Structures are given as C-alpha cells and as structure tokens.
Amino acid sequence: MATHPDYEVLRRRIEACGNLGQSFRGHVYRCSALEYAVEHKLVSGEGSKINGGRWNAPGSFRAVYTGQAPDTALKEAQAQARYYGLERYTIFPLFFVALNVSLHNVLDLTLGSLRQHLIVSQRRMLKTDWRSEQDNGREALTQAIGRAVFSAGFEGLLAPSVADPSGKILVFFPVKLKKSSTIQYILTRPS
C-alpha cells in the first residue's frame, strides 16, 4: 500500500503533541461480527489489522473500534454495508458488548485546537473516503493520522463518528495499552 504523501509531516506534528494526550475513562460499546465474539478476540483488533479501517490500513497494526454510545457503535458496524449499498440485501449477525475503559494517553481529535495544530480540518477527516483509497492501494489521510498516533505511542484516539454525526468513537491500540490501563466487560447495562 502506498504511504499517504502527508504522513511524515503528520507524524512530526503528532509526535509534537506527545504531552497533549488525555486520560479517557468511561463506557464504550463495540459491535462486531460473530467470528470475533470470543472474549480474547473482541478487544484484540485482529479484524481491523486484517481488513483495515478508517484509522488503520490493512496489515499495519491492531486497532479496536468502539462507540461512546450504543447507537454510534451499531451505525459504525453497519457502515460497510451502507457504503457498498448492501444494507437492504445484507443481514449479518452482530455481537454487541459494553466495555468499561480506563486509558491514560489518548489523543482527542475532536478538539479543534488539536486539529489546528495538525492542519487537518474535521470536515477533511470526515469526508475522507478511506475505503476507496484503500481499495486503490493508497493509505487514506485518516489511516496516516492513525498510524502516526500509533507510532507516537498513544494508547488510542478519540474522533468524531462519520456514521453517527452526533457521536464519537474511541479507537484503542491493544499493544500500546499501559499496564495500569484497563478494559473490562460490562455484564449488565450501566445505570
């Protein structure tokens, strides 16, 4: 896959944000294909490493995609079928899980001041057609940003959801989690 032309500039800008990482604590939701509905696979990032996603190219690194609200997680999981116009024809079983997450070093891309530092607008991030770029053998802008965030040592990133305009997603990188960070399954609905 061809590296995005802005990757090196983005990498340097994101590395300069090293002290801007924030803690993230709260509930997030994950909606996944049944093949990943085994406890160790649900938060492994295995599927995104194989197939890629908005914030990571195939074969690059493991990333776990979650929504801050149940609706957001479901809409994000269904985005692939919608993109290819298959939502009316595709019924696929999904597994839904709630997680209690405590991370120490997350880069918050929902902050306008941070995007200004990166010189990347929210509109540009949201309008990036990462599937088309990926299908044509090119790393998308958002995948380059995700790779730079991963390379800079952050545990994950917080970003606006494309599938749910009012929602946010948390993408975390299992191999970057600090020993004191926790990902816990919630067995009952949080109050």
N, C-alpha and C. Protein backbone atom coordinates (compact mmCIF):
# COMPACT_ATOMS: atom_id res chain seq x y z
N MET A 1 0.85 -1.18 0.00
CA MET A 1 0.00 0.00 0.00
C MET A 1 0.90 1.24 0.00
N ALA A 2 0.56 2.20 -0.84
CA ALA A 2 1.33 3.44 -0.94
C ALA A 2 1.06 4.33 0.28
N THR A 3 2.12 4.80 0.90
CA THR A 3 2.03 5.69 2.05
C THR A 3 1.40 7.02 1.64
N HIS A 4 0.56 7.56 2.52
CA HIS A 4 -0.05 8.87 2.25
C HIS A 4 1.05 9.92 2.13
N PRO A 5 0.95 10.82 1.14
CA PRO A 5 2.02 11.81 0.93
C PRO A 5 2.26 12.75 2.11
N ASP A 6 1.28 12.92 2.98
CA ASP A 6 1.44 13.82 4.13
C ASP A 6 1.87 13.10 5.41
N TYR A 7 2.15 11.79 5.31
CA TYR A 7 2.41 11.02 6.53
C TYR A 7 3.55 11.60 7.36
N GLU A 8 4.69 11.87 6.77
CA GLU A 8 5.85 12.34 7.55
C GLU A 8 5.56 13.66 8.27
N VAL A 9 4.87 14.56 7.59
CA VAL A 9 4.50 15.84 8.21
C VAL A 9 3.54 15.59 9.37
N LEU A 10 2.53 14.74 9.13
CA LEU A 10 1.58 14.40 10.19
C LEU A 10 2.29 13.73 11.37
N ARG A 11 3.20 12.81 11.07
CA ARG A 11 3.93 12.11 12.13
C ARG A 11 4.69 13.10 13.02
N ARG A 12 5.38 14.04 12.41
CA ARG A 12 6.13 15.03 13.19
C ARG A 12 5.19 15.90 14.03
N ARG A 13 4.09 16.31 13.45
CA ARG A 13 3.13 17.15 14.19
C ARG A 13 2.51 16.39 15.35
N ILE A 14 2.19 15.11 15.12
CA ILE A 14 1.58 14.31 16.18
C ILE A 14 2.61 13.99 17.26
N GLU A 15 3.84 13.71 16.88
CA GLU A 15 4.87 13.49 17.89
C GLU A 15 5.06 14.73 18.77
N ALA A 16 4.90 15.90 18.18
CA ALA A 16 4.99 17.15 18.95
C ALA A 16 3.82 17.30 19.92
N CYS A 17 2.78 16.49 19.75
CA CYS A 17 1.60 16.53 20.62
C CYS A 17 1.73 15.54 21.78
N GLY A 18 2.90 14.95 21.95
CA GLY A 18 3.10 13.91 22.96
C GLY A 18 2.57 14.26 24.34
N ASN A 19 2.68 15.51 24.73
CA ASN A 19 2.20 15.92 26.05
C ASN A 19 0.72 16.30 26.05
N LEU A 20 0.05 16.17 24.91
CA LEU A 20 -1.37 16.54 24.82
C LEU A 20 -2.31 15.35 25.00
N GLY A 21 -1.75 14.18 25.24
CA GLY A 21 -2.58 13.01 25.48
C GLY A 21 -3.42 13.21 26.73
N GLN A 22 -4.63 12.70 26.69
CA GLN A 22 -5.56 12.84 27.81
C GLN A 22 -5.98 11.46 28.29
N SER A 23 -6.40 11.40 29.54
CA SER A 23 -6.95 10.14 30.02
C SER A 23 -8.38 10.02 29.48
N PHE A 24 -8.83 8.79 29.37
CA PHE A 24 -10.21 8.52 28.96
C PHE A 24 -10.73 7.45 29.90
N ARG A 25 -11.83 7.77 30.56
CA ARG A 25 -12.49 6.80 31.44
C ARG A 25 -13.98 6.84 31.15
N GLY A 26 -14.55 5.66 30.97
CA GLY A 26 -15.98 5.60 30.75
C GLY A 26 -16.40 4.35 30.01
N HIS A 27 -17.68 4.31 29.71
CA HIS A 27 -18.24 3.17 28.98
C HIS A 27 -18.14 3.42 27.49
N VAL A 28 -17.79 2.39 26.76
CA VAL A 28 -17.83 2.40 25.31
C VAL A 28 -18.50 1.11 24.86
N TYR A 29 -18.89 1.08 23.59
CA TYR A 29 -19.66 -0.04 23.08
C TYR A 29 -19.02 -0.55 21.80
N ARG A 30 -19.05 -1.87 21.66
CA ARG A 30 -18.43 -2.49 20.50
C ARG A 30 -19.44 -3.41 19.85
N CYS A 31 -19.58 -3.26 18.57
CA CYS A 31 -20.48 -4.09 17.78
C CYS A 31 -19.60 -4.79 16.74
N SER A 32 -19.59 -6.10 16.77
CA SER A 32 -18.63 -6.84 15.97
C SER A 32 -19.28 -8.04 15.29
N ALA A 33 -18.64 -8.53 14.25
CA ALA A 33 -19.10 -9.75 13.57
C ALA A 33 -18.98 -10.92 14.54
N LEU A 34 -19.84 -11.91 14.37
CA LEU A 34 -19.85 -13.06 15.28
C LEU A 34 -18.52 -13.80 15.32
N GLU A 35 -17.76 -13.78 14.24
CA GLU A 35 -16.48 -14.51 14.24
C GLU A 35 -15.51 -13.96 15.29
N TYR A 36 -15.76 -12.73 15.76
CA TYR A 36 -14.90 -12.14 16.79
C TYR A 36 -15.58 -12.12 18.16
N ALA A 37 -16.67 -12.87 18.32
CA ALA A 37 -17.45 -12.85 19.56
C ALA A 37 -16.88 -13.79 20.62
N VAL A 38 -15.58 -13.87 20.68
CA VAL A 38 -14.88 -14.61 21.73
C VAL A 38 -14.14 -13.56 22.55
N GLU A 39 -14.16 -13.71 23.86
CA GLU A 39 -13.65 -12.65 24.73
C GLU A 39 -12.28 -12.12 24.31
N HIS A 40 -11.34 -12.99 24.04
CA HIS A 40 -9.99 -12.51 23.70
C HIS A 40 -9.92 -11.87 22.31
N LYS A 41 -10.87 -12.18 21.43
CA LYS A 41 -10.86 -11.58 20.09
C LYS A 41 -11.58 -10.23 20.04
N LEU A 42 -12.55 -10.03 20.93
CA LEU A 42 -13.36 -8.80 20.88
C LEU A 42 -12.54 -7.53 21.07
N VAL A 43 -11.48 -7.62 21.82
CA VAL A 43 -10.64 -6.44 22.04
C VAL A 43 -9.21 -6.67 21.56
N SER A 44 -9.06 -7.56 20.58
CA SER A 44 -7.72 -7.85 20.06
C SER A 44 -7.34 -6.93 18.91
N GLY A 45 -8.33 -6.43 18.17
CA GLY A 45 -8.03 -5.62 16.98
C GLY A 45 -7.64 -6.46 15.78
N GLU A 46 -7.81 -7.76 15.90
CA GLU A 46 -7.42 -8.69 14.84
C GLU A 46 -8.13 -8.39 13.51
N GLY A 47 -9.42 -8.15 13.58
CA GLY A 47 -10.19 -7.89 12.36
C GLY A 47 -9.74 -6.63 11.63
N SER A 48 -9.46 -5.58 12.39
CA SER A 48 -9.04 -4.33 11.74
C SER A 48 -7.62 -4.44 11.19
N LYS A 49 -6.79 -5.25 11.82
CA LYS A 49 -5.44 -5.43 11.26
C LYS A 49 -5.52 -6.15 9.92
N ILE A 50 -6.42 -7.09 9.80
CA ILE A 50 -6.58 -7.84 8.55
C ILE A 50 -7.26 -6.97 7.49
N ASN A 51 -8.37 -6.33 7.85
CA ASN A 51 -9.21 -5.63 6.88
C ASN A 51 -8.98 -4.13 6.78
N GLY A 52 -8.33 -3.55 7.78
CA GLY A 52 -8.18 -2.10 7.81
C GLY A 52 -9.45 -1.44 8.33
N GLY A 53 -9.36 -0.14 8.52
CA GLY A 53 -10.47 0.66 8.99
C GLY A 53 -10.14 2.12 8.73
N ARG A 54 -11.04 3.00 9.11
CA ARG A 54 -10.82 4.43 8.87
C ARG A 54 -9.47 4.89 9.44
N TRP A 55 -9.05 4.34 10.57
CA TRP A 55 -7.85 4.84 11.25
C TRP A 55 -6.66 3.90 11.17
N ASN A 56 -6.77 2.78 10.48
CA ASN A 56 -5.61 1.89 10.28
C ASN A 56 -5.75 1.13 8.97
N ALA A 57 -4.64 1.07 8.24
CA ALA A 57 -4.60 0.36 6.96
C ALA A 57 -4.45 -1.14 7.21
N PRO A 58 -4.90 -1.98 6.26
CA PRO A 58 -4.74 -3.42 6.44
C PRO A 58 -3.26 -3.79 6.64
N GLY A 59 -3.03 -4.70 7.58
CA GLY A 59 -1.68 -5.19 7.82
C GLY A 59 -0.80 -4.28 8.65
N SER A 60 -1.31 -3.11 9.05
CA SER A 60 -0.46 -2.14 9.73
C SER A 60 -0.35 -2.39 11.24
N PHE A 61 -1.44 -2.35 11.95
CA PHE A 61 -1.44 -2.55 13.40
C PHE A 61 -2.87 -2.85 13.84
N ARG A 62 -3.00 -3.39 15.03
CA ARG A 62 -4.31 -3.73 15.58
C ARG A 62 -4.96 -2.49 16.20
N ALA A 63 -6.23 -2.30 15.89
CA ALA A 63 -7.00 -1.19 16.44
C ALA A 63 -8.39 -1.71 16.77
N VAL A 64 -8.90 -1.33 17.93
CA VAL A 64 -10.24 -1.73 18.35
C VAL A 64 -11.13 -0.50 18.26
N TYR A 65 -12.19 -0.61 17.45
CA TYR A 65 -13.11 0.49 17.20
C TYR A 65 -14.31 0.37 18.13
N THR A 66 -14.61 1.44 18.87
CA THR A 66 -15.76 1.45 19.78
C THR A 66 -16.51 2.77 19.61
N GLY A 67 -17.76 2.77 20.03
CA GLY A 67 -18.56 3.99 20.03
C GLY A 67 -18.81 4.42 21.46
N GLN A 68 -18.92 5.72 21.68
CA GLN A 68 -19.22 6.19 23.04
C GLN A 68 -20.69 5.99 23.40
N ALA A 69 -21.51 5.69 22.42
CA ALA A 69 -22.92 5.40 22.66
C ALA A 69 -23.27 4.13 21.88
N PRO A 70 -24.25 3.35 22.36
CA PRO A 70 -24.63 2.13 21.65
C PRO A 70 -25.02 2.39 20.20
N ASP A 71 -25.81 3.47 19.95
CA ASP A 71 -26.23 3.80 18.57
C ASP A 71 -25.02 4.01 17.67
N THR A 72 -24.03 4.71 18.18
CA THR A 72 -22.84 5.01 17.39
C THR A 72 -22.11 3.72 17.02
N ALA A 73 -21.95 2.82 17.99
CA ALA A 73 -21.27 1.55 17.72
C ALA A 73 -22.00 0.75 16.65
N LEU A 74 -23.33 0.70 16.73
CA LEU A 74 -24.11 -0.05 15.74
C LEU A 74 -23.99 0.59 14.36
N LYS A 75 -24.14 1.90 14.28
CA LYS A 75 -24.04 2.58 12.98
C LYS A 75 -22.66 2.42 12.37
N GLU A 76 -21.62 2.48 13.18
CA GLU A 76 -20.26 2.28 12.68
C GLU A 76 -20.10 0.86 12.14
N ALA A 77 -20.65 -0.13 12.84
CA ALA A 77 -20.54 -1.52 12.40
C ALA A 77 -21.28 -1.77 11.09
N GLN A 78 -22.36 -1.05 10.86
CA GLN A 78 -23.15 -1.23 9.64
C GLN A 78 -22.65 -0.37 8.48
N ALA A 79 -21.66 0.46 8.71
CA ALA A 79 -21.20 1.41 7.69
C ALA A 79 -20.70 0.73 6.42
N GLN A 80 -20.06 -0.41 6.55
CA GLN A 80 -19.52 -1.10 5.37
C GLN A 80 -20.64 -1.50 4.41
N ALA A 81 -21.70 -2.09 4.94
CA ALA A 81 -22.83 -2.49 4.10
C ALA A 81 -23.49 -1.27 3.46
N ARG A 82 -23.64 -0.19 4.24
CA ARG A 82 -24.22 1.04 3.68
C ARG A 82 -23.34 1.60 2.56
N TYR A 83 -22.03 1.61 2.77
CA TYR A 83 -21.10 2.18 1.79
C TYR A 83 -21.24 1.49 0.43
N TYR A 84 -21.35 0.18 0.46
CA TYR A 84 -21.43 -0.57 -0.79
C TYR A 84 -22.88 -0.78 -1.26
N GLY A 85 -23.83 -0.12 -0.58
CA GLY A 85 -25.23 -0.19 -0.99
C GLY A 85 -25.87 -1.53 -0.74
N LEU A 86 -25.41 -2.25 0.25
CA LEU A 86 -25.90 -3.60 0.51
C LEU A 86 -26.81 -3.71 1.73
N GLU A 87 -27.08 -2.60 2.40
CA GLU A 87 -27.83 -2.71 3.65
C GLU A 87 -29.21 -3.33 3.46
N ARG A 88 -29.82 -3.15 2.29
CA ARG A 88 -31.14 -3.74 2.05
C ARG A 88 -31.04 -5.23 1.76
N TYR A 89 -29.87 -5.69 1.37
CA TYR A 89 -29.71 -7.07 0.94
C TYR A 89 -28.90 -7.91 1.92
N THR A 90 -28.29 -7.27 2.86
CA THR A 90 -27.38 -7.97 3.76
C THR A 90 -27.95 -7.99 5.17
N ILE A 91 -28.13 -9.17 5.68
CA ILE A 91 -28.48 -9.32 7.08
C ILE A 91 -27.32 -10.10 7.68
N PHE A 92 -26.61 -9.45 8.57
CA PHE A 92 -25.48 -10.14 9.16
C PHE A 92 -25.59 -10.07 10.67
N PRO A 93 -25.35 -11.18 11.34
CA PRO A 93 -25.44 -11.15 12.80
C PRO A 93 -24.27 -10.37 13.38
N LEU A 94 -24.57 -9.58 14.38
CA LEU A 94 -23.55 -8.79 15.06
C LEU A 94 -23.59 -9.11 16.55
N PHE A 95 -22.47 -9.02 17.18
CA PHE A 95 -22.35 -9.22 18.60
C PHE A 95 -22.10 -7.86 19.24
N PHE A 96 -22.82 -7.56 20.30
CA PHE A 96 -22.76 -6.24 20.93
C PHE A 96 -22.23 -6.40 22.35
N VAL A 97 -21.28 -5.57 22.74
CA VAL A 97 -20.73 -5.65 24.08
C VAL A 97 -20.44 -4.25 24.61
N ALA A 98 -20.62 -4.09 25.92
CA ALA A 98 -20.28 -2.83 26.58
C ALA A 98 -18.98 -3.03 27.34
N LEU A 99 -18.13 -2.01 27.30
CA LEU A 99 -16.83 -2.08 27.96
C LEU A 99 -16.67 -0.88 28.89
N ASN A 100 -16.02 -1.11 30.00
CA ASN A 100 -15.61 -0.02 30.88
C ASN A 100 -14.11 0.16 30.63
N VAL A 101 -13.74 1.34 30.14
CA VAL A 101 -12.38 1.59 29.69
C VAL A 101 -11.72 2.66 30.56
N SER A 102 -10.47 2.41 30.90
CA SER A 102 -9.67 3.41 31.60
C SER A 102 -8.30 3.46 30.91
N LEU A 103 -8.07 4.52 30.14
CA LEU A 103 -6.82 4.71 29.40
C LEU A 103 -6.16 5.99 29.88
N HIS A 104 -4.85 6.08 29.71
CA HIS A 104 -4.10 7.22 30.25
C HIS A 104 -3.57 8.18 29.20
N ASN A 105 -3.50 7.76 27.93
CA ASN A 105 -2.83 8.59 26.93
C ASN A 105 -3.54 8.48 25.58
N VAL A 106 -4.63 9.22 25.44
CA VAL A 106 -5.46 9.19 24.23
C VAL A 106 -5.37 10.56 23.55
N LEU A 107 -5.21 10.57 22.25
CA LEU A 107 -5.18 11.83 21.51
C LEU A 107 -6.60 12.15 21.06
N ASP A 108 -7.12 13.29 21.47
CA ASP A 108 -8.51 13.67 21.22
C ASP A 108 -8.62 14.52 19.95
N LEU A 109 -8.94 13.85 18.84
CA LEU A 109 -9.07 14.52 17.55
C LEU A 109 -10.40 15.27 17.40
N THR A 110 -11.23 15.25 18.44
CA THR A 110 -12.46 16.05 18.40
C THR A 110 -12.18 17.49 18.80
N LEU A 111 -11.00 17.75 19.32
CA LEU A 111 -10.63 19.11 19.75
C LEU A 111 -10.15 19.94 18.57
N GLY A 112 -10.83 21.04 18.34
CA GLY A 112 -10.46 21.93 17.23
C GLY A 112 -9.04 22.43 17.33
N SER A 113 -8.57 22.71 18.55
CA SER A 113 -7.21 23.22 18.73
C SER A 113 -6.16 22.19 18.30
N LEU A 114 -6.44 20.93 18.56
CA LEU A 114 -5.52 19.87 18.16
C LEU A 114 -5.52 19.70 16.64
N ARG A 115 -6.71 19.72 16.05
CA ARG A 115 -6.79 19.60 14.58
C ARG A 115 -6.10 20.79 13.91
N GLN A 116 -6.20 21.97 14.54
CA GLN A 116 -5.50 23.15 14.01
C GLN A 116 -4.00 22.92 14.00
N HIS A 117 -3.48 22.34 15.07
CA HIS A 117 -2.05 22.04 15.15
C HIS A 117 -1.63 21.06 14.05
N LEU A 118 -2.51 20.10 13.76
CA LEU A 118 -2.21 19.11 12.72
C LEU A 118 -2.45 19.67 11.32
N ILE A 119 -3.16 20.80 11.25
CA ILE A 119 -3.58 21.42 9.99
C ILE A 119 -4.44 20.44 9.18
N VAL A 120 -5.40 19.84 9.89
CA VAL A 120 -6.36 18.93 9.27
C VAL A 120 -7.73 19.30 9.83
N SER A 121 -8.64 19.68 8.97
CA SER A 121 -9.98 20.07 9.43
C SER A 121 -10.83 18.84 9.75
N GLN A 122 -11.83 19.05 10.59
CA GLN A 122 -12.76 17.96 10.89
C GLN A 122 -13.47 17.53 9.61
N ARG A 123 -13.84 18.49 8.79
CA ARG A 123 -14.51 18.16 7.52
C ARG A 123 -13.64 17.24 6.66
N ARG A 124 -12.37 17.56 6.57
CA ARG A 124 -11.46 16.74 5.75
C ARG A 124 -11.35 15.32 6.32
N MET A 125 -11.29 15.22 7.65
CA MET A 125 -11.24 13.88 8.27
C MET A 125 -12.51 13.10 7.97
N LEU A 126 -13.66 13.77 8.13
CA LEU A 126 -14.94 13.09 7.96
C LEU A 126 -15.23 12.75 6.50
N LYS A 127 -14.75 13.56 5.58
CA LYS A 127 -15.04 13.34 4.16
C LYS A 127 -14.05 12.40 3.48
N THR A 128 -12.99 12.01 4.18
CA THR A 128 -12.02 11.10 3.59
C THR A 128 -12.69 9.77 3.25
N ASP A 129 -12.64 9.38 1.99
CA ASP A 129 -13.20 8.10 1.55
C ASP A 129 -12.11 7.04 1.69
N TRP A 130 -11.89 6.59 2.91
CA TRP A 130 -10.79 5.68 3.19
C TRP A 130 -10.96 4.35 2.46
N ARG A 131 -12.19 3.91 2.24
CA ARG A 131 -12.39 2.64 1.54
C ARG A 131 -11.92 2.73 0.10
N SER A 132 -12.26 3.81 -0.58
CA SER A 132 -11.82 4.00 -1.96
C SER A 132 -10.30 4.08 -2.03
N GLU A 133 -9.70 4.85 -1.13
CA GLU A 133 -8.23 4.96 -1.11
C GLU A 133 -7.61 3.59 -0.88
N GLN A 134 -8.12 2.88 0.11
CA GLN A 134 -7.60 1.55 0.44
C GLN A 134 -7.79 0.58 -0.72
N ASP A 135 -8.98 0.59 -1.33
CA ASP A 135 -9.26 -0.30 -2.46
C ASP A 135 -8.34 -0.03 -3.64
N ASN A 136 -7.83 1.20 -3.73
CA ASN A 136 -6.92 1.58 -4.82
C ASN A 136 -5.45 1.53 -4.40
N GLY A 137 -5.18 0.88 -3.27
CA GLY A 137 -3.80 0.65 -2.85
C GLY A 137 -3.10 1.85 -2.24
N ARG A 138 -3.89 2.81 -1.75
CA ARG A 138 -3.30 4.00 -1.14
C ARG A 138 -3.75 4.13 0.31
N GLU A 139 -2.84 4.59 1.15
CA GLU A 139 -3.18 4.88 2.54
C GLU A 139 -4.00 6.17 2.56
N ALA A 140 -5.16 6.12 3.20
CA ALA A 140 -6.03 7.30 3.31
C ALA A 140 -5.46 8.27 4.36
N LEU A 141 -5.88 9.52 4.27
CA LEU A 141 -5.45 10.53 5.24
C LEU A 141 -5.70 10.07 6.67
N THR A 142 -6.89 9.58 6.95
CA THR A 142 -7.21 9.17 8.32
C THR A 142 -6.37 7.97 8.75
N GLN A 143 -6.05 7.08 7.83
CA GLN A 143 -5.19 5.95 8.15
C GLN A 143 -3.77 6.44 8.47
N ALA A 144 -3.32 7.46 7.75
CA ALA A 144 -2.00 8.05 8.03
C ALA A 144 -1.99 8.71 9.40
N ILE A 145 -3.08 9.40 9.74
CA ILE A 145 -3.19 10.01 11.07
C ILE A 145 -3.16 8.92 12.14
N GLY A 146 -3.96 7.88 11.95
CA GLY A 146 -3.99 6.77 12.91
C GLY A 146 -2.62 6.13 13.08
N ARG A 147 -1.91 5.93 11.99
CA ARG A 147 -0.57 5.33 12.06
C ARG A 147 0.39 6.24 12.82
N ALA A 148 0.28 7.54 12.59
CA ALA A 148 1.15 8.49 13.29
C ALA A 148 0.83 8.52 14.79
N VAL A 149 -0.46 8.45 15.14
CA VAL A 149 -0.87 8.41 16.55
C VAL A 149 -0.32 7.14 17.20
N PHE A 150 -0.46 6.01 16.50
CA PHE A 150 0.07 4.73 16.98
C PHE A 150 1.58 4.81 17.16
N SER A 151 2.28 5.31 16.16
CA SER A 151 3.75 5.41 16.19
C SER A 151 4.25 6.32 17.30
N ALA A 152 3.47 7.35 17.62
CA ALA A 152 3.86 8.30 18.67
C ALA A 152 3.67 7.73 20.08
N GLY A 153 3.09 6.53 20.18
CA GLY A 153 2.96 5.87 21.47
C GLY A 153 1.67 6.11 22.22
N PHE A 154 0.71 6.78 21.60
CA PHE A 154 -0.59 6.98 22.25
C PHE A 154 -1.30 5.63 22.37
N GLU A 155 -2.17 5.50 23.37
CA GLU A 155 -2.94 4.28 23.55
C GLU A 155 -4.12 4.21 22.60
N GLY A 156 -4.51 5.34 22.07
CA GLY A 156 -5.65 5.37 21.16
C GLY A 156 -5.97 6.79 20.76
N LEU A 157 -7.11 6.92 20.10
CA LEU A 157 -7.56 8.24 19.66
C LEU A 157 -9.07 8.33 19.82
N LEU A 158 -9.51 9.54 20.06
CA LEU A 158 -10.93 9.86 20.12
C LEU A 158 -11.23 10.69 18.89
N ALA A 159 -12.30 10.35 18.17
CA ALA A 159 -12.59 11.04 16.91
C ALA A 159 -14.10 11.15 16.72
N PRO A 160 -14.52 12.11 15.89
CA PRO A 160 -15.94 12.18 15.55
C PRO A 160 -16.33 10.95 14.73
N SER A 161 -17.56 10.51 14.90
CA SER A 161 -18.06 9.39 14.11
C SER A 161 -18.57 9.89 12.77
N VAL A 162 -18.23 9.19 11.72
CA VAL A 162 -18.75 9.52 10.40
C VAL A 162 -20.16 8.95 10.26
N ALA A 163 -20.39 7.76 10.81
CA ALA A 163 -21.67 7.08 10.67
C ALA A 163 -22.77 7.71 11.53
N ASP A 164 -22.39 8.36 12.61
CA ASP A 164 -23.34 8.99 13.52
C ASP A 164 -22.86 10.42 13.80
N PRO A 165 -23.37 11.40 13.05
CA PRO A 165 -22.87 12.77 13.15
C PRO A 165 -22.84 13.35 14.57
N SER A 166 -23.68 12.85 15.46
CA SER A 166 -23.67 13.37 16.83
C SER A 166 -22.79 12.52 17.75
N GLY A 167 -22.18 11.48 17.21
CA GLY A 167 -21.42 10.55 18.04
C GLY A 167 -19.92 10.69 17.95
N LYS A 168 -19.26 10.02 18.88
CA LYS A 168 -17.80 9.96 18.92
C LYS A 168 -17.38 8.50 19.01
N ILE A 169 -16.19 8.24 18.49
CA ILE A 169 -15.64 6.90 18.60
C ILE A 169 -14.32 6.95 19.37
N LEU A 170 -14.03 5.88 20.06
CA LEU A 170 -12.73 5.68 20.68
C LEU A 170 -12.10 4.49 19.97
N VAL A 171 -10.92 4.71 19.42
CA VAL A 171 -10.15 3.63 18.80
C VAL A 171 -8.94 3.43 19.68
N PHE A 172 -8.78 2.21 20.22
CA PHE A 172 -7.59 1.98 21.05
C PHE A 172 -6.73 0.88 20.44
N PHE A 173 -5.45 0.96 20.78
CA PHE A 173 -4.43 0.08 20.21
C PHE A 173 -3.97 -0.90 21.30
N PRO A 174 -4.41 -2.16 21.25
CA PRO A 174 -4.10 -3.11 22.33
C PRO A 174 -2.62 -3.21 22.69
N VAL A 175 -1.74 -3.15 21.71
CA VAL A 175 -0.31 -3.30 22.03
C VAL A 175 0.29 -2.05 22.66
N LYS A 176 -0.43 -0.95 22.66
CA LYS A 176 0.07 0.30 23.24
C LYS A 176 -0.49 0.57 24.64
N LEU A 177 -1.38 -0.30 25.12
CA LEU A 177 -2.01 -0.06 26.42
C LEU A 177 -0.97 -0.13 27.55
N LYS A 178 -1.04 0.82 28.45
CA LYS A 178 -0.16 0.85 29.61
C LYS A 178 -0.61 -0.22 30.61
N LYS A 179 0.31 -0.67 31.44
CA LYS A 179 -0.02 -1.73 32.40
C LYS A 179 -1.16 -1.32 33.33
N SER A 180 -1.27 -0.04 33.62
CA SER A 180 -2.33 0.42 34.53
C SER A 180 -3.65 0.73 33.81
N SER A 181 -3.66 0.62 32.49
CA SER A 181 -4.91 0.82 31.74
C SER A 181 -5.77 -0.43 31.84
N THR A 182 -7.08 -0.25 31.80
CA THR A 182 -7.97 -1.40 31.92
C THR A 182 -9.08 -1.36 30.87
N ILE A 183 -9.43 -2.55 30.41
CA ILE A 183 -10.58 -2.76 29.53
C ILE A 183 -11.38 -3.87 30.20
N GLN A 184 -12.57 -3.55 30.68
CA GLN A 184 -13.39 -4.53 31.39
C GLN A 184 -14.73 -4.67 30.69
N TYR A 185 -15.20 -5.91 30.60
CA TYR A 185 -16.52 -6.17 30.04
C TYR A 185 -17.58 -5.82 31.07
N ILE A 186 -18.65 -5.21 30.62
CA ILE A 186 -19.78 -4.88 31.49
C ILE A 186 -20.84 -5.94 31.23
N LEU A 187 -21.19 -6.65 32.27
CA LEU A 187 -22.13 -7.75 32.11
C LEU A 187 -23.58 -7.30 32.17
N THR A 188 -23.84 -6.18 32.81
CA THR A 188 -25.19 -5.63 32.84
C THR A 188 -25.14 -4.22 32.30
N ARG A 189 -26.27 -3.73 31.88
CA ARG A 189 -26.34 -2.38 31.33
C ARG A 189 -26.00 -1.35 32.41
N PRO A 190 -25.07 -0.39 32.08
CA PRO A 190 -24.73 0.62 33.09
C PRO A 190 -25.93 1.52 33.39
N SER A 191 -26.02 2.00 34.63
CA SER A 191 -27.15 2.86 35.00
C SER A 191 -26.89 4.29 34.64
